[in-house]
Amino acid sequence: MDRLLLKSLNEQIPVEMIYISSSKQISQRKILVTHINDTTIRAYCYLRKQSRLFKIENILSVMAIKQFRELG
């Protein structure tokens, strides 16, 4: 998972993740990572159309997007 997050950051490639919020809501999102630290990532979320902060411990999975196209 960390490898894909770093690849998104370094190569500016969107990835797809499954995330569980602190209120236990599960969502599937396409994101573009803009910053990573020890406990969180900051990423542009295509679902919410804004930059968001995600707790790394709440990321359930990260997947490469098979066929990249401009997301909008």
PDB file of N, CA and C in Angstrom:
ATOM      1  N   MET A   1       0.831  -1.190   0.000  1.00  0.00           N
ATOM      2  CA  MET A   1       0.000   0.000   0.000  1.00  0.00           C
ATOM      3  C   MET A   1       0.875   1.252   0.000  1.00  0.00           C
ATOM      4  N   ASP A   2       1.883   1.302   0.853  1.00  0.00           N
ATOM      5  CA  ASP A   2       2.738   2.489   0.918  1.00  0.00           C
ATOM      6  C   ASP A   2       3.401   2.775  -0.419  1.00  0.00           C
ATOM      7  N   ARG A   3       3.756   1.712  -1.139  1.00  0.00           N
ATOM      8  CA  ARG A   3       4.412   1.867  -2.436  1.00  0.00           C
ATOM      9  C   ARG A   3       3.502   2.600  -3.420  1.00  0.00           C
ATOM     10  N   LEU A   4       2.225   2.254  -3.445  1.00  0.00           N
ATOM     11  CA  LEU A   4       1.292   2.914  -4.358  1.00  0.00           C
ATOM     12  C   LEU A   4       1.025   4.363  -3.952  1.00  0.00           C
ATOM     13  N   LEU A   5       0.974   4.627  -2.666  1.00  0.00           N
ATOM     14  CA  LEU A   5       0.788   6.001  -2.203  1.00  0.00           C
ATOM     15  C   LEU A   5       1.993   6.857  -2.592  1.00  0.00           C
ATOM     16  N   LEU A   6       3.197   6.315  -2.423  1.00  0.00           N
ATOM     17  CA  LEU A   6       4.404   7.042  -2.825  1.00  0.00           C
ATOM     18  C   LEU A   6       4.453   7.249  -4.337  1.00  0.00           C
ATOM     19  N   LYS A   7       4.028   6.243  -5.089  1.00  0.00           N
ATOM     20  CA  LYS A   7       3.999   6.374  -6.549  1.00  0.00           C
ATOM     21  C   LYS A   7       3.017   7.468  -6.964  1.00  0.00           C
ATOM     22  N   SER A   8       1.872   7.522  -6.312  1.00  0.00           N
ATOM     23  CA  SER A   8       0.899   8.577  -6.607  1.00  0.00           C
ATOM     24  C   SER A   8       1.514   9.945  -6.331  1.00  0.00           C
ATOM     25  N   LEU A   9       2.225  10.073  -5.209  1.00  0.00           N
ATOM     26  CA  LEU A   9       2.865  11.333  -4.844  1.00  0.00           C
ATOM     27  C   LEU A   9       3.964  11.709  -5.829  1.00  0.00           C
ATOM     28  N   ASN A  10       4.873  10.779  -6.094  1.00  0.00           N
ATOM     29  CA  ASN A  10       6.051  11.074  -6.916  1.00  0.00           C
ATOM     30  C   ASN A  10       5.754  11.226  -8.394  1.00  0.00           C
ATOM     31  N   GLU A  11       4.818  10.441  -8.902  1.00  0.00           N
ATOM     32  CA  GLU A  11       4.532  10.451 -10.340  1.00  0.00           C
ATOM     33  C   GLU A  11       3.237  11.165 -10.686  1.00  0.00           C
ATOM     34  N   GLN A  12       2.548  11.686  -9.662  1.00  0.00           N
ATOM     35  CA  GLN A  12       1.277  12.382  -9.857  1.00  0.00           C
ATOM     36  C   GLN A  12       0.279  11.531 -10.637  1.00  0.00           C
ATOM     37  N   ILE A  13       0.133  10.284 -10.155  1.00  0.00           N
ATOM     38  CA  ILE A  13      -0.780   9.315 -10.752  1.00  0.00           C
ATOM     39  C   ILE A  13      -1.902   9.041  -9.745  1.00  0.00           C
ATOM     40  N   PRO A  14      -3.147   9.194 -10.145  1.00  0.00           N
ATOM     41  CA  PRO A  14      -4.251   8.878  -9.225  1.00  0.00           C
ATOM     42  C   PRO A  14      -4.290   7.392  -8.883  1.00  0.00           C
ATOM     43  N   VAL A  15      -4.751   7.092  -7.681  1.00  0.00           N
ATOM     44  CA  VAL A  15      -4.970   5.709  -7.243  1.00  0.00           C
ATOM     45  C   VAL A  15      -6.373   5.631  -6.661  1.00  0.00           C
ATOM     46  N   GLU A  16      -6.829   4.417  -6.475  1.00  0.00           N
ATOM     47  CA  GLU A  16      -8.151   4.204  -5.882  1.00  0.00           C
ATOM     48  C   GLU A  16      -7.944   3.611  -4.497  1.00  0.00           C
ATOM     49  N   MET A  17      -8.712   4.069  -3.533  1.00  0.00           N
ATOM     50  CA  MET A  17      -8.569   3.514  -2.184  1.00  0.00           C
ATOM     51  C   MET A  17      -9.946   3.238  -1.583  1.00  0.00           C
ATOM     52  N   ILE A  18      -9.945   2.316  -0.648  1.00  0.00           N
ATOM     53  CA  ILE A  18     -11.119   2.069   0.180  1.00  0.00           C
ATOM     54  C   ILE A  18     -10.753   2.580   1.567  1.00  0.00           C
ATOM     55  N   TYR A  19     -11.618   3.443   2.100  1.00  0.00           N
ATOM     56  CA  TYR A  19     -11.314   4.183   3.327  1.00  0.00           C
ATOM     57  C   TYR A  19     -12.480   4.057   4.301  1.00  0.00           C
ATOM     58  N   ILE A  20     -12.136   3.924   5.577  1.00  0.00           N
ATOM     59  CA  ILE A  20     -13.170   3.905   6.606  1.00  0.00           C
ATOM     60  C   ILE A  20     -13.007   5.170   7.460  1.00  0.00           C
ATOM     61  N   SER A  21     -14.057   5.937   7.550  1.00  0.00           N
ATOM     62  CA  SER A  21     -14.005   7.199   8.300  1.00  0.00           C
ATOM     63  C   SER A  21     -14.036   6.922   9.799  1.00  0.00           C
ATOM     64  N   SER A  22     -13.791   7.950  10.580  1.00  0.00           N
ATOM     65  CA  SER A  22     -13.845   7.790  12.035  1.00  0.00           C
ATOM     66  C   SER A  22     -15.252   7.457  12.517  1.00  0.00           C
ATOM     67  N   SER A  23     -16.271   7.770  11.686  1.00  0.00           N
ATOM     68  CA  SER A  23     -17.652   7.392  12.033  1.00  0.00           C
ATOM     69  C   SER A  23     -18.035   6.032  11.432  1.00  0.00           C
ATOM     70  N   LYS A  24     -17.029   5.289  10.964  1.00  0.00           N
ATOM     71  CA  LYS A  24     -17.184   3.911  10.456  1.00  0.00           C
ATOM     72  C   LYS A  24     -17.923   3.812   9.120  1.00  0.00           C
ATOM     73  N   GLN A  25     -17.925   4.877   8.348  1.00  0.00           N
ATOM     74  CA  GLN A  25     -18.494   4.848   6.997  1.00  0.00           C
ATOM     75  C   GLN A  25     -17.390   4.432   6.019  1.00  0.00           C
ATOM     76  N   ILE A  26     -17.679   3.439   5.193  1.00  0.00           N
ATOM     77  CA  ILE A  26     -16.704   2.969   4.215  1.00  0.00           C
ATOM     78  C   ILE A  26     -17.004   3.629   2.876  1.00  0.00           C
ATOM     79  N   SER A  27     -15.935   4.128   2.224  1.00  0.00           N
ATOM     80  CA  SER A  27     -16.103   4.733   0.907  1.00  0.00           C
ATOM     81  C   SER A  27     -14.966   4.303  -0.011  1.00  0.00           C
ATOM     82  N   GLN A  28     -15.249   4.318  -1.290  1.00  0.00           N
ATOM     83  CA  GLN A  28     -14.242   4.036  -2.313  1.00  0.00           C
ATOM     84  C   GLN A  28     -13.990   5.350  -3.027  1.00  0.00           C
ATOM     85  N   ARG A  29     -12.722   5.762  -3.085  1.00  0.00           N
ATOM     86  CA  ARG A  29     -12.383   7.074  -3.634  1.00  0.00           C
ATOM     87  C   ARG A  29     -11.209   6.987  -4.591  1.00  0.00           C
ATOM     88  N   LYS A  30     -11.220   7.859  -5.568  1.00  0.00           N
ATOM     89  CA  LYS A  30     -10.055   8.071  -6.421  1.00  0.00           C
ATOM     90  C   LYS A  30      -9.353   9.304  -5.872  1.00  0.00           C
ATOM     91  N   ILE A  31      -8.041   9.167  -5.618  1.00  0.00           N
ATOM     92  CA  ILE A  31      -7.286  10.266  -5.020  1.00  0.00           C
ATOM     93  C   ILE A  31      -5.971  10.488  -5.759  1.00  0.00           C
ATOM     94  N   LEU A  32      -5.427  11.685  -5.579  1.00  0.00           N
ATOM     95  CA  LEU A  32      -4.094  12.024  -6.062  1.00  0.00           C
ATOM     96  C   LEU A  32      -3.335  12.558  -4.853  1.00  0.00           C
ATOM     97  N   VAL A  33      -2.339  11.803  -4.396  1.00  0.00           N
ATOM     98  CA  VAL A  33      -1.609  12.138  -3.175  1.00  0.00           C
ATOM     99  C   VAL A  33      -0.744  13.374  -3.412  1.00  0.00           C
ATOM    100  N   THR A  34      -0.803  14.327  -2.466  1.00  0.00           N
ATOM    101  CA  THR A  34       0.006  15.546  -2.564  1.00  0.00           C
ATOM    102  C   THR A  34       1.010  15.674  -1.423  1.00  0.00           C
ATOM    103  N   HIS A  35       0.810  14.942  -0.323  1.00  0.00           N
ATOM    104  CA  HIS A  35       1.737  14.991   0.807  1.00  0.00           C
ATOM    105  C   HIS A  35       1.538  13.751   1.671  1.00  0.00           C
ATOM    106  N   ILE A  36       2.645  13.210   2.183  1.00  0.00           N
ATOM    107  CA  ILE A  36       2.587  12.050   3.079  1.00  0.00           C
ATOM    108  C   ILE A  36       3.436  12.347   4.307  1.00  0.00           C
ATOM    109  N   ASN A  37       2.906  12.013   5.494  1.00  0.00           N
ATOM    110  CA  ASN A  37       3.746  11.999   6.691  1.00  0.00           C
ATOM    111  C   ASN A  37       3.524  10.672   7.409  1.00  0.00           C
ATOM    112  N   ASP A  38       3.958  10.559   8.644  1.00  0.00           N
ATOM    113  CA  ASP A  38       3.905   9.270   9.350  1.00  0.00           C
ATOM    114  C   ASP A  38       2.494   8.756   9.590  1.00  0.00           C
ATOM    115  N   THR A  39       1.527   9.637   9.799  1.00  0.00           N
ATOM    116  CA  THR A  39       0.189   9.189  10.189  1.00  0.00           C
ATOM    117  C   THR A  39      -0.914   9.572   9.213  1.00  0.00           C
ATOM    118  N   THR A  40      -0.656  10.516   8.320  1.00  0.00           N
ATOM    119  CA  THR A  40      -1.700  10.987   7.404  1.00  0.00           C
ATOM    120  C   THR A  40      -1.166  11.195   5.989  1.00  0.00           C
ATOM    121  N   ILE A  41      -2.110  11.259   5.066  1.00  0.00           N
ATOM    122  CA  ILE A  41      -1.779  11.719   3.715  1.00  0.00           C
ATOM    123  C   ILE A  41      -2.739  12.852   3.376  1.00  0.00           C
ATOM    124  N   ARG A  42      -2.270  13.784   2.600  1.00  0.00           N
ATOM    125  CA  ARG A  42      -3.126  14.814   2.032  1.00  0.00           C
ATOM    126  C   ARG A  42      -3.231  14.469   0.557  1.00  0.00           C
ATOM    127  N   ALA A  43      -4.464  14.491   0.058  1.00  0.00           N
ATOM    128  CA  ALA A  43      -4.688  14.101  -1.330  1.00  0.00           C
ATOM    129  C   ALA A  43      -5.869  14.857  -1.900  1.00  0.00           C
ATOM    130  N   TYR A  44      -5.828  15.053  -3.216  1.00  0.00           N
ATOM    131  CA  TYR A  44      -7.004  15.583  -3.891  1.00  0.00           C
ATOM    132  C   TYR A  44      -7.967  14.417  -4.055  1.00  0.00           C
ATOM    133  N   CYS A  45      -9.199  14.594  -3.581  1.00  0.00           N
ATOM    134  CA  CYS A  45     -10.226  13.562  -3.667  1.00  0.00           C
ATOM    135  C   CYS A  45     -11.161  13.907  -4.820  1.00  0.00           C
ATOM    136  N   TYR A  46     -11.224  13.030  -5.812  1.00  0.00           N
ATOM    137  CA  TYR A  46     -12.086  13.273  -6.967  1.00  0.00           C
ATOM    138  C   TYR A  46     -13.566  13.146  -6.609  1.00  0.00           C
ATOM    139  N   LEU A  47     -13.898  12.394  -5.560  1.00  0.00           N
ATOM    140  CA  LEU A  47     -15.283  12.268  -5.116  1.00  0.00           C
ATOM    141  C   LEU A  47     -15.790  13.594  -4.535  1.00  0.00           C
ATOM    142  N   ARG A  48     -15.010  14.179  -3.652  1.00  0.00           N
ATOM    143  CA  ARG A  48     -15.401  15.436  -2.993  1.00  0.00           C
ATOM    144  C   ARG A  48     -14.947  16.680  -3.761  1.00  0.00           C
ATOM    145  N   LYS A  49     -14.077  16.469  -4.757  1.00  0.00           N
ATOM    146  CA  LYS A  49     -13.547  17.564  -5.590  1.00  0.00           C
ATOM    147  C   LYS A  49     -12.824  18.626  -4.758  1.00  0.00           C
ATOM    148  N   GLN A  50     -12.021  18.134  -3.805  1.00  0.00           N
ATOM    149  CA  GLN A  50     -11.213  19.037  -2.984  1.00  0.00           C
ATOM    150  C   GLN A  50     -10.097  18.263  -2.292  1.00  0.00           C
ATOM    151  N   SER A  51      -9.144  18.994  -1.768  1.00  0.00           N
ATOM    152  CA  SER A  51      -8.055  18.389  -1.018  1.00  0.00           C
ATOM    153  C   SER A  51      -8.590  17.905   0.328  1.00  0.00           C
ATOM    154  N   ARG A  52      -8.183  16.699   0.708  1.00  0.00           N
ATOM    155  CA  ARG A  52      -8.658  16.096   1.969  1.00  0.00           C
ATOM    156  C   ARG A  52      -7.477  15.496   2.719  1.00  0.00           C
ATOM    157  N   LEU A  53      -7.642  15.349   4.020  1.00  0.00           N
ATOM    158  CA  LEU A  53      -6.648  14.723   4.870  1.00  0.00           C
ATOM    159  C   LEU A  53      -7.178  13.350   5.287  1.00  0.00           C
ATOM    160  N   PHE A  54      -6.376  12.305   5.063  1.00  0.00           N
ATOM    161  CA  PHE A  54      -6.784  10.937   5.377  1.00  0.00           C
ATOM    162  C   PHE A  54      -5.805  10.328   6.375  1.00  0.00           C
ATOM    163  N   LYS A  55      -6.337   9.634   7.379  1.00  0.00           N
ATOM    164  CA  LYS A  55      -5.491   8.900   8.322  1.00  0.00           C
ATOM    165  C   LYS A  55      -5.031   7.614   7.645  1.00  0.00           C
ATOM    166  N   ILE A  56      -3.732   7.381   7.664  1.00  0.00           N
ATOM    167  CA  ILE A  56      -3.188   6.178   7.026  1.00  0.00           C
ATOM    168  C   ILE A  56      -3.775   4.918   7.661  1.00  0.00           C
ATOM    169  N   GLU A  57      -3.986   4.933   8.976  1.00  0.00           N
ATOM    170  CA  GLU A  57      -4.527   3.749   9.658  1.00  0.00           C
ATOM    171  C   GLU A  57      -5.958   3.428   9.218  1.00  0.00           C
ATOM    172  N   ASN A  58      -6.659   4.373   8.602  1.00  0.00           N
ATOM    173  CA  ASN A  58      -8.037   4.148   8.157  1.00  0.00           C
ATOM    174  C   ASN A  58      -8.131   3.743   6.683  1.00  0.00           C
ATOM    175  N   ILE A  59      -6.993   3.662   6.017  1.00  0.00           N
ATOM    176  CA  ILE A  59      -6.997   3.217   4.617  1.00  0.00           C
ATOM    177  C   ILE A  59      -7.024   1.689   4.620  1.00  0.00           C
ATOM    178  N   LEU A  60      -8.087   1.124   4.074  1.00  0.00           N
ATOM    179  CA  LEU A  60      -8.242  -0.332   4.064  1.00  0.00           C
ATOM    180  C   LEU A  60      -7.495  -0.971   2.908  1.00  0.00           C
ATOM    181  N   SER A  61      -7.473  -0.300   1.750  1.00  0.00           N
ATOM    182  CA  SER A  61      -6.714  -0.806   0.603  1.00  0.00           C
ATOM    183  C   SER A  61      -6.457   0.317  -0.375  1.00  0.00           C
ATOM    184  N   VAL A  62      -5.402   0.124  -1.169  1.00  0.00           N
ATOM    185  CA  VAL A  62      -5.062   1.058  -2.246  1.00  0.00           C
ATOM    186  C   VAL A  62      -4.812   0.224  -3.482  1.00  0.00           C
ATOM    187  N   MET A  63      -5.394   0.652  -4.600  1.00  0.00           N
ATOM    188  CA  MET A  63      -5.260  -0.084  -5.846  1.00  0.00           C
ATOM    189  C   MET A  63      -4.852   0.866  -6.965  1.00  0.00           C
ATOM    190  N   ALA A  64      -4.057   0.351  -7.884  1.00  0.00           N
ATOM    191  CA  ALA A  64      -3.746   1.123  -9.078  1.00  0.00           C
ATOM    192  C   ALA A  64      -5.011   1.220  -9.920  1.00  0.00           C
ATOM    193  N   ILE A  65      -5.171   2.325 -10.589  1.00  0.00           N
ATOM    194  CA  ILE A  65      -6.293   2.469 -11.519  1.00  0.00           C
ATOM    195  C   ILE A  65      -5.839   1.856 -12.835  1.00  0.00           C
ATOM    196  N   LYS A  66      -6.566   0.847 -13.268  1.00  0.00           N
ATOM    197  CA  LYS A  66      -6.123   0.056 -14.425  1.00  0.00           C
ATOM    198  C   LYS A  66      -5.950   0.881 -15.693  1.00  0.00           C
ATOM    199  N   GLN A  67      -6.915   1.706 -15.977  1.00  0.00           N
ATOM    200  CA  GLN A  67      -6.826   2.495 -17.200  1.00  0.00           C
ATOM    201  C   GLN A  67      -6.981   3.962 -16.802  1.00  0.00           C
ATOM    202  N   PHE A  68      -5.846   4.656 -16.751  1.00  0.00           N
ATOM    203  CA  PHE A  68      -5.894   6.063 -16.338  1.00  0.00           C
ATOM    204  C   PHE A  68      -6.470   6.901 -17.462  1.00  0.00           C
ATOM    205  N   ARG A  69      -7.415   7.742 -17.085  1.00  0.00           N
ATOM    206  CA  ARG A  69      -7.924   8.758 -18.000  1.00  0.00           C
ATOM    207  C   ARG A  69      -8.176   9.978 -17.138  1.00  0.00           C
ATOM    208  N   GLU A  70      -8.328  11.110 -17.743  1.00  0.00           N
ATOM    209  CA  GLU A  70      -8.567  12.334 -16.975  1.00  0.00           C
ATOM    210  C   GLU A  70      -9.818  12.152 -16.144  1.00  0.00           C
ATOM    211  N   LEU A  71      -9.683  12.307 -14.834  1.00  0.00           N
ATOM    212  CA  LEU A  71     -10.812  12.139 -13.926  1.00  0.00           C
ATOM    213  C   LEU A  71     -11.424  13.501 -13.672  1.00  0.00           C
ATOM    214  N   GLY A  72     -12.723  13.554 -13.641  1.00  0.00           N
ATOM    215  CA  GLY A  72     -13.302  14.869 -13.446  1.00  0.00           C
ATOM    216  C   GLY A  72     -14.575  14.884 -12.727  1.00  0.00           C
TER     217      GLY A  72
END
